Amino acid sequence: MLKTMQKHGVTLAIFAAVLTGLTALVNALTKTTIEEQATKQQKALFDQVIPAEFYDNDLQKSCFVVQAAPLGKGPHRIFIARKGDKAVGAVMEATAPDGYSGAIQLLVGTDFSGTVLGTRVTEHHETPGLGDKIELRLSDWILHFAGKVIHGEDDTAFAVKKDGGEFDQFTGATITPRAVVNAVKRAGLYAETLPAQINNLPACEESS
């Protein structure tokens, strides 16, 4: 009986070792592919918020991490766009904390003088059929940010129409678009402060 139990124990140990080895092998083989796909998806998203002709550096490798209230609570990544040796703009992760159903995550591209180059929503929990029109697949509303200029913190035009601004709100849903407009405005104003900070920003690798 003891020998039988020992035999089964050895068999199970060998099986577990083989299974662990196979799992590690599969992970190693697929890790590169997964990382490559994630990089491609990120690049495709960047192309939607900042024109390719606007910069000539590898934007994905020009990554920094900031703790900045205008972008929302916690750390956010920013990617500095350069033309030659000159920093010309940024793609910023930003959070609108005051969506109708919680925080809305954004990607905002701007230059350093108040012009929004593009905006996309990357994550949200807004009400289907109402607030979810911030998604490009459901509405072209998010496209209206491209080319808009923020004329300082007191720019009343950079707001939804219900607040006296130029951006449409959705029928039956004002909170969601208001949250996005205000978050984009804060991000754009923050971008104007970046040129003076660039040399002191921690790179993404350093902060991990």
N, C-alpha and C. Protein backbone atom coordinates (compact mmCIF):
# COMPACT_ATOMS: atom_id res chain seq x y z
N MET A 1 0.83 -1.20 0.00
CA MET A 1 0.00 0.00 0.00
C MET A 1 0.87 1.26 0.00
N LEU A 2 1.91 1.28 0.83
CA LEU A 2 2.80 2.43 0.92
C LEU A 2 3.53 2.65 -0.40
N LYS A 3 3.98 1.53 -1.02
CA LYS A 3 4.68 1.64 -2.30
C LYS A 3 3.76 2.21 -3.38
N THR A 4 2.50 1.79 -3.34
CA THR A 4 1.52 2.28 -4.32
C THR A 4 1.31 3.77 -4.17
N MET A 5 1.19 4.22 -2.93
CA MET A 5 1.02 5.65 -2.67
C MET A 5 2.23 6.44 -3.11
N GLN A 6 3.42 5.90 -2.85
CA GLN A 6 4.64 6.57 -3.26
C GLN A 6 4.73 6.67 -4.77
N LYS A 7 4.31 5.58 -5.43
CA LYS A 7 4.33 5.56 -6.90
C LYS A 7 3.40 6.62 -7.46
N HIS A 8 2.18 6.72 -6.91
CA HIS A 8 1.22 7.74 -7.37
C HIS A 8 1.74 9.14 -7.08
N GLY A 9 2.40 9.29 -5.92
CA GLY A 9 2.95 10.60 -5.57
C GLY A 9 4.00 11.06 -6.54
N VAL A 10 4.87 10.13 -6.93
CA VAL A 10 5.91 10.45 -7.91
C VAL A 10 5.30 10.80 -9.25
N THR A 11 4.28 10.04 -9.65
CA THR A 11 3.59 10.29 -10.92
C THR A 11 2.97 11.69 -10.94
N LEU A 12 2.30 12.04 -9.83
CA LEU A 12 1.68 13.36 -9.73
C LEU A 12 2.72 14.47 -9.76
N ALA A 13 3.84 14.24 -9.09
CA ALA A 13 4.90 15.26 -9.06
C ALA A 13 5.46 15.48 -10.45
N ILE A 14 5.67 14.37 -11.19
CA ILE A 14 6.19 14.48 -12.56
C ILE A 14 5.18 15.20 -13.44
N PHE A 15 3.89 14.84 -13.29
CA PHE A 15 2.84 15.47 -14.09
C PHE A 15 2.78 16.98 -13.80
N ALA A 16 2.87 17.34 -12.53
CA ALA A 16 2.82 18.76 -12.15
C ALA A 16 4.02 19.50 -12.72
N ALA A 17 5.20 18.88 -12.68
CA ALA A 17 6.41 19.51 -13.20
C ALA A 17 6.30 19.74 -14.70
N VAL A 18 5.79 18.70 -15.41
CA VAL A 18 5.62 18.82 -16.87
C VAL A 18 4.62 19.91 -17.20
N LEU A 19 3.50 19.95 -16.47
CA LEU A 19 2.47 20.95 -16.71
C LEU A 19 3.00 22.36 -16.45
N THR A 20 3.75 22.52 -15.37
CA THR A 20 4.34 23.82 -15.06
C THR A 20 5.30 24.26 -16.16
N GLY A 21 6.09 23.29 -16.63
CA GLY A 21 7.03 23.60 -17.70
C GLY A 21 6.34 24.02 -18.98
N LEU A 22 5.26 23.31 -19.32
CA LEU A 22 4.50 23.66 -20.53
C LEU A 22 3.87 25.04 -20.41
N THR A 23 3.34 25.34 -19.22
CA THR A 23 2.73 26.66 -19.00
C THR A 23 3.76 27.77 -19.16
N ALA A 24 4.94 27.54 -18.59
CA ALA A 24 6.01 28.54 -18.71
C ALA A 24 6.43 28.71 -20.16
N LEU A 25 6.48 27.60 -20.90
CA LEU A 25 6.87 27.66 -22.31
C LEU A 25 5.85 28.43 -23.13
N VAL A 26 4.56 28.16 -22.89
CA VAL A 26 3.50 28.87 -23.62
C VAL A 26 3.55 30.36 -23.31
N ASN A 27 3.75 30.70 -22.03
CA ASN A 27 3.84 32.11 -21.65
C ASN A 27 5.01 32.79 -22.34
N ALA A 28 6.14 32.10 -22.41
CA ALA A 28 7.33 32.68 -23.04
C ALA A 28 7.12 32.89 -24.53
N LEU A 29 6.42 31.93 -25.17
CA LEU A 29 6.19 32.02 -26.61
C LEU A 29 5.17 33.10 -26.98
N THR A 30 4.20 33.30 -26.09
CA THR A 30 3.13 34.25 -26.41
C THR A 30 3.39 35.66 -25.89
N LYS A 31 4.32 35.80 -24.94
CA LYS A 31 4.57 37.11 -24.33
C LYS A 31 4.96 38.16 -25.37
N THR A 32 5.88 37.79 -26.25
CA THR A 32 6.34 38.73 -27.27
C THR A 32 5.21 39.14 -28.19
N THR A 33 4.40 38.16 -28.61
CA THR A 33 3.27 38.44 -29.50
C THR A 33 2.27 39.37 -28.84
N ILE A 34 1.97 39.12 -27.57
CA ILE A 34 1.02 39.96 -26.83
C ILE A 34 1.55 41.38 -26.71
N GLU A 35 2.84 41.52 -26.39
CA GLU A 35 3.45 42.84 -26.26
C GLU A 35 3.43 43.58 -27.60
N GLU A 36 3.70 42.86 -28.67
CA GLU A 36 3.69 43.49 -30.00
C GLU A 36 2.30 43.99 -30.36
N GLN A 37 1.28 43.19 -30.05
CA GLN A 37 -0.10 43.61 -30.34
C GLN A 37 -0.50 44.82 -29.51
N ALA A 38 -0.08 44.84 -28.24
CA ALA A 38 -0.39 45.98 -27.38
C ALA A 38 0.28 47.25 -27.90
N THR A 39 1.51 47.11 -28.38
CA THR A 39 2.23 48.26 -28.94
C THR A 39 1.54 48.79 -30.19
N LYS A 40 1.08 47.88 -31.04
CA LYS A 40 0.38 48.28 -32.26
C LYS A 40 -0.94 48.98 -31.94
N GLN A 41 -1.65 48.46 -30.96
CA GLN A 41 -2.92 49.07 -30.56
C GLN A 41 -2.71 50.46 -29.98
N GLN A 42 -1.65 50.61 -29.19
CA GLN A 42 -1.35 51.92 -28.62
C GLN A 42 -0.99 52.91 -29.72
N LYS A 43 -0.17 52.47 -30.67
CA LYS A 43 0.22 53.33 -31.79
C LYS A 43 -1.00 53.76 -32.59
N ALA A 44 -1.93 52.84 -32.83
CA ALA A 44 -3.15 53.15 -33.58
C ALA A 44 -3.98 54.20 -32.85
N LEU A 45 -4.01 54.11 -31.52
CA LEU A 45 -4.75 55.08 -30.72
C LEU A 45 -4.06 56.44 -30.75
N PHE A 46 -2.74 56.44 -30.65
CA PHE A 46 -1.99 57.69 -30.74
C PHE A 46 -2.27 58.39 -32.07
N ASP A 47 -2.33 57.61 -33.14
CA ASP A 47 -2.56 58.19 -34.47
C ASP A 47 -3.91 58.89 -34.56
N GLN A 48 -4.82 58.57 -33.65
CA GLN A 48 -6.13 59.20 -33.66
C GLN A 48 -6.16 60.53 -32.91
N VAL A 49 -5.17 60.76 -32.05
CA VAL A 49 -5.20 61.98 -31.24
C VAL A 49 -4.07 62.95 -31.56
N ILE A 50 -3.11 62.53 -32.40
CA ILE A 50 -2.04 63.44 -32.79
C ILE A 50 -1.61 63.09 -34.22
N PRO A 51 -1.63 64.04 -35.13
CA PRO A 51 -1.28 63.75 -36.54
C PRO A 51 0.15 63.24 -36.67
N ALA A 52 0.36 62.25 -37.52
CA ALA A 52 1.68 61.66 -37.70
C ALA A 52 2.70 62.69 -38.18
N GLU A 53 2.25 63.66 -38.99
CA GLU A 53 3.16 64.67 -39.53
C GLU A 53 3.54 65.73 -38.50
N PHE A 54 2.90 65.70 -37.35
CA PHE A 54 3.16 66.70 -36.32
C PHE A 54 4.48 66.46 -35.60
N TYR A 55 4.97 65.21 -35.62
CA TYR A 55 6.18 64.86 -34.88
C TYR A 55 7.00 63.85 -35.67
N ASP A 56 8.25 63.66 -35.27
CA ASP A 56 9.09 62.69 -35.98
C ASP A 56 9.89 61.78 -35.04
N ASN A 57 9.61 61.81 -33.75
CA ASN A 57 10.28 60.90 -32.82
C ASN A 57 9.43 59.67 -32.58
N ASP A 58 9.99 58.69 -31.87
CA ASP A 58 9.24 57.50 -31.49
C ASP A 58 8.42 57.86 -30.25
N LEU A 59 7.18 58.20 -30.46
CA LEU A 59 6.34 58.72 -29.38
C LEU A 59 6.19 57.73 -28.24
N GLN A 60 6.08 56.46 -28.57
CA GLN A 60 5.87 55.46 -27.53
C GLN A 60 7.08 55.30 -26.61
N LYS A 61 8.25 55.68 -27.09
CA LYS A 61 9.45 55.57 -26.27
C LYS A 61 9.77 56.88 -25.55
N SER A 62 8.94 57.89 -25.79
CA SER A 62 9.12 59.17 -25.12
C SER A 62 8.09 59.31 -24.01
N CYS A 63 8.12 58.35 -23.10
CA CYS A 63 7.08 58.19 -22.08
C CYS A 63 7.57 58.67 -20.72
N PHE A 64 6.71 59.44 -20.05
CA PHE A 64 7.01 59.95 -18.72
C PHE A 64 5.79 59.75 -17.82
N VAL A 65 6.04 59.74 -16.54
CA VAL A 65 4.94 59.57 -15.57
C VAL A 65 4.86 60.81 -14.69
N VAL A 66 3.64 61.32 -14.54
CA VAL A 66 3.46 62.52 -13.71
C VAL A 66 2.33 62.29 -12.71
N GLN A 67 2.43 63.01 -11.62
CA GLN A 67 1.34 63.11 -10.65
C GLN A 67 0.87 64.55 -10.75
N ALA A 68 -0.19 64.78 -11.49
CA ALA A 68 -0.65 66.14 -11.77
C ALA A 68 -2.16 66.21 -11.60
N ALA A 69 -2.61 67.05 -10.69
CA ALA A 69 -4.04 67.18 -10.42
C ALA A 69 -4.88 67.45 -11.66
N PRO A 70 -4.41 68.27 -12.63
CA PRO A 70 -5.25 68.52 -13.81
C PRO A 70 -5.54 67.26 -14.63
N LEU A 71 -4.71 66.24 -14.49
CA LEU A 71 -4.94 65.00 -15.24
C LEU A 71 -5.75 63.99 -14.43
N GLY A 72 -6.00 64.29 -13.16
CA GLY A 72 -6.75 63.38 -12.32
C GLY A 72 -5.88 62.79 -11.22
N LYS A 73 -6.50 62.06 -10.31
CA LYS A 73 -5.78 61.46 -9.20
C LYS A 73 -4.84 60.36 -9.67
N GLY A 74 -3.73 60.23 -8.95
CA GLY A 74 -2.81 59.15 -9.23
C GLY A 74 -1.88 59.46 -10.39
N PRO A 75 -1.00 58.49 -10.70
CA PRO A 75 -0.03 58.70 -11.79
C PRO A 75 -0.69 58.59 -13.16
N HIS A 76 -0.22 59.39 -14.08
CA HIS A 76 -0.67 59.33 -15.47
C HIS A 76 0.55 59.40 -16.38
N ARG A 77 0.48 58.67 -17.47
CA ARG A 77 1.57 58.71 -18.43
C ARG A 77 1.35 59.83 -19.45
N ILE A 78 2.44 60.46 -19.83
CA ILE A 78 2.40 61.43 -20.91
C ILE A 78 3.50 61.07 -21.90
N PHE A 79 3.26 61.35 -23.16
CA PHE A 79 4.20 61.01 -24.22
C PHE A 79 4.53 62.31 -24.97
N ILE A 80 5.79 62.68 -24.94
CA ILE A 80 6.21 63.96 -25.52
C ILE A 80 6.52 63.80 -27.00
N ALA A 81 5.85 64.60 -27.83
CA ALA A 81 6.08 64.60 -29.27
C ALA A 81 7.15 65.63 -29.60
N ARG A 82 8.09 65.24 -30.45
CA ARG A 82 9.17 66.13 -30.85
C ARG A 82 9.27 66.22 -32.37
N LYS A 83 9.66 67.38 -32.83
CA LYS A 83 9.97 67.61 -34.24
C LYS A 83 11.42 68.03 -34.28
N GLY A 84 12.28 67.12 -34.74
CA GLY A 84 13.70 67.40 -34.62
C GLY A 84 14.07 67.36 -33.15
N ASP A 85 14.74 68.37 -32.69
CA ASP A 85 15.13 68.44 -31.28
C ASP A 85 14.13 69.20 -30.41
N LYS A 86 13.07 69.69 -31.03
CA LYS A 86 12.12 70.54 -30.31
C LYS A 86 10.88 69.77 -29.87
N ALA A 87 10.54 69.90 -28.59
CA ALA A 87 9.29 69.33 -28.09
C ALA A 87 8.13 70.19 -28.60
N VAL A 88 7.16 69.54 -29.24
CA VAL A 88 6.07 70.29 -29.89
C VAL A 88 4.69 69.99 -29.33
N GLY A 89 4.57 68.94 -28.56
CA GLY A 89 3.24 68.60 -28.03
C GLY A 89 3.30 67.35 -27.19
N ALA A 90 2.12 66.88 -26.79
CA ALA A 90 2.08 65.72 -25.92
C ALA A 90 0.78 64.94 -26.11
N VAL A 91 0.87 63.66 -25.87
CA VAL A 91 -0.31 62.81 -25.72
C VAL A 91 -0.37 62.45 -24.24
N MET A 92 -1.50 62.73 -23.62
CA MET A 92 -1.62 62.57 -22.17
C MET A 92 -2.76 61.64 -21.80
N GLU A 93 -2.51 60.77 -20.85
CA GLU A 93 -3.60 60.03 -20.23
C GLU A 93 -4.26 60.97 -19.22
N ALA A 94 -5.57 61.03 -19.23
CA ALA A 94 -6.27 61.92 -18.29
C ALA A 94 -7.53 61.22 -17.78
N THR A 95 -7.97 61.65 -16.62
CA THR A 95 -9.18 61.09 -16.01
C THR A 95 -10.20 62.18 -15.74
N ALA A 96 -11.41 61.95 -16.21
CA ALA A 96 -12.54 62.80 -15.84
C ALA A 96 -13.23 62.09 -14.68
N PRO A 97 -13.07 62.58 -13.45
CA PRO A 97 -13.57 61.84 -12.29
C PRO A 97 -15.08 61.94 -12.09
N ASP A 98 -15.70 62.88 -12.81
CA ASP A 98 -17.09 63.23 -12.53
C ASP A 98 -18.06 62.80 -13.62
N GLY A 99 -17.81 61.65 -14.23
CA GLY A 99 -18.78 61.12 -15.18
C GLY A 99 -20.05 60.71 -14.45
N TYR A 100 -21.11 60.49 -15.17
CA TYR A 100 -22.39 60.13 -14.54
C TYR A 100 -22.29 58.82 -13.78
N SER A 101 -21.51 57.86 -14.35
CA SER A 101 -21.38 56.54 -13.73
C SER A 101 -19.96 56.25 -13.27
N GLY A 102 -19.22 57.30 -12.97
CA GLY A 102 -17.86 57.10 -12.47
C GLY A 102 -16.82 57.75 -13.36
N ALA A 103 -15.58 57.41 -13.10
CA ALA A 103 -14.47 58.03 -13.82
C ALA A 103 -14.45 57.63 -15.30
N ILE A 104 -14.05 58.56 -16.13
CA ILE A 104 -13.90 58.34 -17.57
C ILE A 104 -12.43 58.53 -17.91
N GLN A 105 -11.84 57.53 -18.54
CA GLN A 105 -10.42 57.60 -18.90
C GLN A 105 -10.28 58.11 -20.33
N LEU A 106 -9.34 59.04 -20.52
CA LEU A 106 -9.18 59.70 -21.81
C LEU A 106 -7.74 59.66 -22.28
N LEU A 107 -7.58 59.85 -23.57
CA LEU A 107 -6.27 60.12 -24.17
C LEU A 107 -6.42 61.44 -24.90
N VAL A 108 -5.58 62.41 -24.54
CA VAL A 108 -5.71 63.77 -25.07
C VAL A 108 -4.40 64.18 -25.73
N GLY A 109 -4.47 64.60 -26.99
CA GLY A 109 -3.30 65.11 -27.68
C GLY A 109 -3.41 66.61 -27.86
N THR A 110 -2.35 67.33 -27.50
CA THR A 110 -2.37 68.79 -27.64
C THR A 110 -0.97 69.30 -28.01
N ASP A 111 -0.93 70.54 -28.49
CA ASP A 111 0.37 71.21 -28.59
C ASP A 111 0.59 71.94 -27.27
N PHE A 112 1.57 72.82 -27.22
CA PHE A 112 1.87 73.50 -25.96
C PHE A 112 1.32 74.92 -25.90
N SER A 113 0.42 75.23 -26.82
CA SER A 113 -0.14 76.58 -26.83
C SER A 113 -1.66 76.59 -26.78
N GLY A 114 -2.24 75.50 -26.29
CA GLY A 114 -3.67 75.48 -26.08
C GLY A 114 -4.51 74.85 -27.16
N THR A 115 -3.89 74.31 -28.22
CA THR A 115 -4.66 73.68 -29.29
C THR A 115 -4.80 72.19 -29.03
N VAL A 116 -6.03 71.71 -29.03
CA VAL A 116 -6.30 70.28 -28.87
C VAL A 116 -6.16 69.63 -30.25
N LEU A 117 -5.37 68.58 -30.32
CA LEU A 117 -5.14 67.88 -31.59
C LEU A 117 -6.09 66.71 -31.76
N GLY A 118 -6.51 66.13 -30.67
CA GLY A 118 -7.45 65.02 -30.73
C GLY A 118 -7.71 64.45 -29.36
N THR A 119 -8.84 63.77 -29.22
CA THR A 119 -9.22 63.17 -27.94
C THR A 119 -9.96 61.86 -28.19
N ARG A 120 -9.70 60.87 -27.36
CA ARG A 120 -10.45 59.62 -27.41
C ARG A 120 -10.72 59.14 -26.00
N VAL A 121 -11.86 58.49 -25.83
CA VAL A 121 -12.21 57.85 -24.56
C VAL A 121 -11.65 56.43 -24.60
N THR A 122 -10.91 56.05 -23.57
CA THR A 122 -10.33 54.71 -23.53
C THR A 122 -11.06 53.78 -22.58
N GLU A 123 -11.81 54.36 -21.62
CA GLU A 123 -12.58 53.52 -20.70
C GLU A 123 -13.66 54.35 -20.03
N HIS A 124 -14.84 53.76 -19.89
CA HIS A 124 -15.93 54.47 -19.20
C HIS A 124 -17.00 53.47 -18.78
N HIS A 125 -17.93 53.94 -17.96
CA HIS A 125 -19.04 53.10 -17.51
C HIS A 125 -20.36 53.87 -17.65
N GLU A 126 -20.42 54.73 -18.65
CA GLU A 126 -21.59 55.58 -18.82
C GLU A 126 -22.80 54.80 -19.36
N THR A 127 -23.97 55.38 -19.19
CA THR A 127 -25.22 54.72 -19.51
C THR A 127 -25.36 54.43 -21.01
N PRO A 128 -25.58 53.17 -21.38
CA PRO A 128 -25.78 52.84 -22.80
C PRO A 128 -26.96 53.61 -23.38
N GLY A 129 -26.76 54.16 -24.57
CA GLY A 129 -27.83 54.90 -25.23
C GLY A 129 -27.88 56.36 -24.85
N LEU A 130 -27.12 56.76 -23.83
CA LEU A 130 -27.09 58.16 -23.40
C LEU A 130 -25.64 58.64 -23.34
N GLY A 131 -25.00 58.43 -22.20
CA GLY A 131 -23.65 58.92 -22.02
C GLY A 131 -22.60 58.21 -22.84
N ASP A 132 -22.91 57.00 -23.33
CA ASP A 132 -21.89 56.27 -24.08
C ASP A 132 -21.63 56.83 -25.48
N LYS A 133 -22.32 57.92 -25.82
CA LYS A 133 -22.07 58.56 -27.12
C LYS A 133 -20.72 59.27 -27.16
N ILE A 134 -19.99 59.24 -26.06
CA ILE A 134 -18.62 59.74 -26.06
C ILE A 134 -17.69 58.78 -26.81
N GLU A 135 -18.19 57.57 -27.08
CA GLU A 135 -17.41 56.60 -27.85
C GLU A 135 -17.52 56.91 -29.34
N LEU A 136 -16.40 56.83 -30.04
CA LEU A 136 -16.38 57.11 -31.47
C LEU A 136 -17.23 56.12 -32.26
N ARG A 137 -17.32 54.89 -31.81
CA ARG A 137 -18.08 53.90 -32.56
C ARG A 137 -19.59 54.18 -32.51
N LEU A 138 -19.99 55.04 -31.59
CA LEU A 138 -21.41 55.34 -31.45
C LEU A 138 -21.78 56.75 -31.91
N SER A 139 -20.80 57.66 -31.95
CA SER A 139 -21.08 59.05 -32.29
C SER A 139 -19.78 59.74 -32.70
N ASP A 140 -19.91 60.78 -33.51
CA ASP A 140 -18.71 61.54 -33.89
C ASP A 140 -18.45 62.71 -32.95
N TRP A 141 -19.16 62.75 -31.84
CA TRP A 141 -19.05 63.87 -30.90
C TRP A 141 -17.60 64.11 -30.46
N ILE A 142 -16.86 63.05 -30.18
CA ILE A 142 -15.50 63.19 -29.65
C ILE A 142 -14.56 63.81 -30.69
N LEU A 143 -14.93 63.76 -31.97
CA LEU A 143 -14.07 64.32 -33.03
C LEU A 143 -14.06 65.84 -33.02
N HIS A 144 -15.03 66.45 -32.38
CA HIS A 144 -15.16 67.91 -32.41
C HIS A 144 -14.11 68.64 -31.57
N PHE A 145 -13.32 67.88 -30.82
CA PHE A 145 -12.25 68.53 -30.05
C PHE A 145 -11.06 68.91 -30.91
N ALA A 146 -10.83 68.16 -31.98
CA ALA A 146 -9.65 68.38 -32.82
C ALA A 146 -9.65 69.79 -33.40
N GLY A 147 -8.57 70.52 -33.15
CA GLY A 147 -8.44 71.87 -33.67
C GLY A 147 -8.98 72.96 -32.78
N LYS A 148 -9.67 72.59 -31.71
CA LYS A 148 -10.20 73.59 -30.79
C LYS A 148 -9.07 74.19 -29.96
N VAL A 149 -9.16 75.48 -29.71
CA VAL A 149 -8.13 76.18 -28.94
C VAL A 149 -8.69 76.58 -27.58
N ILE A 150 -7.93 76.30 -26.53
CA ILE A 150 -8.31 76.69 -25.18
C ILE A 150 -7.68 78.04 -24.88
N HIS A 151 -8.50 79.05 -24.71
CA HIS A 151 -7.99 80.41 -24.48
C HIS A 151 -7.94 80.70 -22.98
N GLY A 152 -7.12 79.94 -22.28
CA GLY A 152 -6.92 80.18 -20.86
C GLY A 152 -7.96 79.52 -19.99
N GLU A 153 -7.70 79.56 -18.70
CA GLU A 153 -8.58 78.90 -17.73
C GLU A 153 -9.98 79.51 -17.71
N ASP A 154 -10.10 80.77 -18.06
CA ASP A 154 -11.40 81.45 -18.01
C ASP A 154 -12.13 81.41 -19.35
N ASP A 155 -11.70 80.54 -20.25
CA ASP A 155 -12.33 80.42 -21.57
C ASP A 155 -13.72 79.78 -21.41
N THR A 156 -14.76 80.59 -21.46
CA THR A 156 -16.12 80.08 -21.26
C THR A 156 -16.65 79.34 -22.47
N ALA A 157 -15.99 79.50 -23.62
CA ALA A 157 -16.45 78.82 -24.83
C ALA A 157 -16.08 77.33 -24.80
N PHE A 158 -15.04 77.00 -24.05
CA PHE A 158 -14.63 75.60 -23.98
C PHE A 158 -15.45 74.92 -22.89
N ALA A 159 -16.72 74.69 -23.21
CA ALA A 159 -17.68 74.10 -22.28
C ALA A 159 -18.86 73.59 -23.11
N VAL A 160 -19.74 72.84 -22.48
CA VAL A 160 -20.94 72.39 -23.19
C VAL A 160 -21.89 73.58 -23.35
N LYS A 161 -22.77 73.49 -24.32
CA LYS A 161 -23.66 74.60 -24.63
C LYS A 161 -24.56 74.98 -23.46
N LYS A 162 -24.92 74.00 -22.65
CA LYS A 162 -25.77 74.28 -21.50
C LYS A 162 -25.06 75.19 -20.50
N ASP A 163 -23.72 75.18 -20.54
CA ASP A 163 -22.93 76.04 -19.66
C ASP A 163 -22.41 77.27 -20.39
N GLY A 164 -22.95 77.53 -21.58
CA GLY A 164 -22.55 78.71 -22.34
C GLY A 164 -21.42 78.48 -23.31
N GLY A 165 -21.02 77.22 -23.50
CA GLY A 165 -19.90 76.90 -24.38
C GLY A 165 -20.33 76.47 -25.77
N GLU A 166 -19.39 75.86 -26.50
CA GLU A 166 -19.62 75.52 -27.90
C GLU A 166 -19.78 74.03 -28.16
N PHE A 167 -19.68 73.19 -27.14
CA PHE A 167 -19.78 71.75 -27.34
C PHE A 167 -21.20 71.26 -27.06
N ASP A 168 -21.72 70.43 -27.95
CA ASP A 168 -23.05 69.88 -27.76
C ASP A 168 -23.09 68.97 -26.54
N GLN A 169 -24.22 68.97 -25.85
CA GLN A 169 -24.47 67.94 -24.86
C GLN A 169 -25.40 66.91 -25.51
N PHE A 170 -25.60 65.79 -24.84
CA PHE A 170 -26.48 64.76 -25.39
C PHE A 170 -27.89 64.96 -24.83
N THR A 171 -28.87 64.62 -25.63
CA THR A 171 -30.25 64.71 -25.16
C THR A 171 -30.44 63.79 -23.95
N GLY A 172 -30.82 64.37 -22.84
CA GLY A 172 -31.04 63.60 -21.63
C GLY A 172 -29.77 63.26 -20.87
N ALA A 173 -28.63 63.78 -21.35
CA ALA A 173 -27.37 63.46 -20.67
C ALA A 173 -26.38 64.61 -20.85
N THR A 174 -26.28 65.43 -19.83
CA THR A 174 -25.34 66.55 -19.87
C THR A 174 -24.09 66.28 -19.03
N ILE A 175 -24.24 65.50 -17.98
CA ILE A 175 -23.14 65.28 -17.05
C ILE A 175 -21.94 64.65 -17.74
N THR A 176 -22.19 63.64 -18.58
CA THR A 176 -21.08 62.94 -19.24
C THR A 176 -20.27 63.84 -20.15
N PRO A 177 -20.89 64.52 -21.14
CA PRO A 177 -20.09 65.39 -22.00
C PRO A 177 -19.43 66.54 -21.25
N ARG A 178 -20.11 67.05 -20.22
CA ARG A 178 -19.51 68.12 -19.42
C ARG A 178 -18.23 67.63 -18.75
N ALA A 179 -18.26 66.40 -18.22
CA ALA A 179 -17.08 65.83 -17.56
C ALA A 179 -15.92 65.69 -18.54
N VAL A 180 -16.23 65.24 -19.76
CA VAL A 180 -15.17 65.05 -20.76
C VAL A 180 -14.61 66.40 -21.20
N VAL A 181 -15.48 67.36 -21.50
CA VAL A 181 -15.03 68.68 -21.95
C VAL A 181 -14.13 69.31 -20.89
N ASN A 182 -14.55 69.26 -19.65
CA ASN A 182 -13.75 69.87 -18.58
C ASN A 182 -12.41 69.17 -18.40
N ALA A 183 -12.40 67.83 -18.55
CA ALA A 183 -11.15 67.09 -18.41
C ALA A 183 -10.18 67.42 -19.54
N VAL A 184 -10.70 67.55 -20.75
CA VAL A 184 -9.85 67.91 -21.89
C VAL A 184 -9.28 69.32 -21.69
N LYS A 185 -10.12 70.21 -21.20
CA LYS A 185 -9.65 71.58 -20.95
C LYS A 185 -8.53 71.60 -19.92
N ARG A 186 -8.71 70.86 -18.83
CA ARG A 186 -7.66 70.81 -17.80
C ARG A 186 -6.37 70.22 -18.35
N ALA A 187 -6.50 69.17 -19.16
CA ALA A 187 -5.31 68.54 -19.74
C ALA A 187 -4.60 69.50 -20.69
N GLY A 188 -5.37 70.21 -21.51
CA GLY A 188 -4.78 71.16 -22.44
C GLY A 188 -4.04 72.28 -21.74
N LEU A 189 -4.61 72.79 -20.67
CA LEU A 189 -3.94 73.84 -19.89
C LEU A 189 -2.69 73.30 -19.21
N TYR A 190 -2.77 72.06 -18.73
CA TYR A 190 -1.59 71.46 -18.11
C TYR A 190 -0.47 71.30 -19.13
N ALA A 191 -0.82 70.93 -20.36
CA ALA A 191 0.19 70.74 -21.40
C ALA A 191 1.02 72.00 -21.62
N GLU A 192 0.41 73.15 -21.41
CA GLU A 192 1.15 74.40 -21.60
C GLU A 192 2.28 74.57 -20.59
N THR A 193 2.21 73.84 -19.50
CA THR A 193 3.26 73.93 -18.48
C THR A 193 4.38 72.91 -18.70
N LEU A 194 4.19 72.00 -19.64
CA LEU A 194 5.14 70.90 -19.81
C LEU A 194 6.53 71.31 -20.32
N PRO A 195 6.63 72.24 -21.28
CA PRO A 195 7.98 72.57 -21.77
C PRO A 195 8.96 72.91 -20.66
N ALA A 196 8.49 73.56 -19.62
CA ALA A 196 9.39 73.94 -18.52
C ALA A 196 9.72 72.76 -17.61
N GLN A 197 8.96 71.65 -17.74
CA GLN A 197 9.16 70.51 -16.85
C GLN A 197 9.88 69.33 -17.49
N ILE A 198 9.92 69.30 -18.82
CA ILE A 198 10.33 68.09 -19.54
C ILE A 198 11.65 67.50 -19.03
N ASN A 199 12.63 68.33 -18.80
CA ASN A 199 13.94 67.82 -18.39
C ASN A 199 13.95 67.19 -17.00
N ASN A 200 12.90 67.43 -16.24
CA ASN A 200 12.85 66.90 -14.88
C ASN A 200 11.80 65.80 -14.70
N LEU A 201 11.17 65.39 -15.77
CA LEU A 201 10.12 64.38 -15.66
C LEU A 201 10.73 62.99 -15.57
N PRO A 202 10.19 62.13 -14.68
CA PRO A 202 10.69 60.76 -14.60
C PRO A 202 10.19 59.92 -15.77
N ALA A 203 11.10 59.18 -16.39
CA ALA A 203 10.71 58.31 -17.49
C ALA A 203 9.87 57.15 -16.96
N CYS A 204 9.05 56.57 -17.81
CA CYS A 204 8.17 55.48 -17.40
C CYS A 204 8.96 54.32 -16.78
N GLU A 205 10.12 53.98 -17.36
CA GLU A 205 10.92 52.87 -16.83
C GLU A 205 11.43 53.18 -15.44
N GLU A 206 11.76 54.42 -15.19
CA GLU A 206 12.31 54.81 -13.89
C GLU A 206 11.27 54.75 -12.79
N SER A 207 10.00 54.94 -13.17
CA SER A 207 8.95 55.02 -12.15
C SER A 207 8.32 53.66 -11.86
N SER A 208 8.66 52.67 -12.68
CA SER A 208 8.04 51.34 -12.49
C SER A 208 8.75 50.54 -11.42
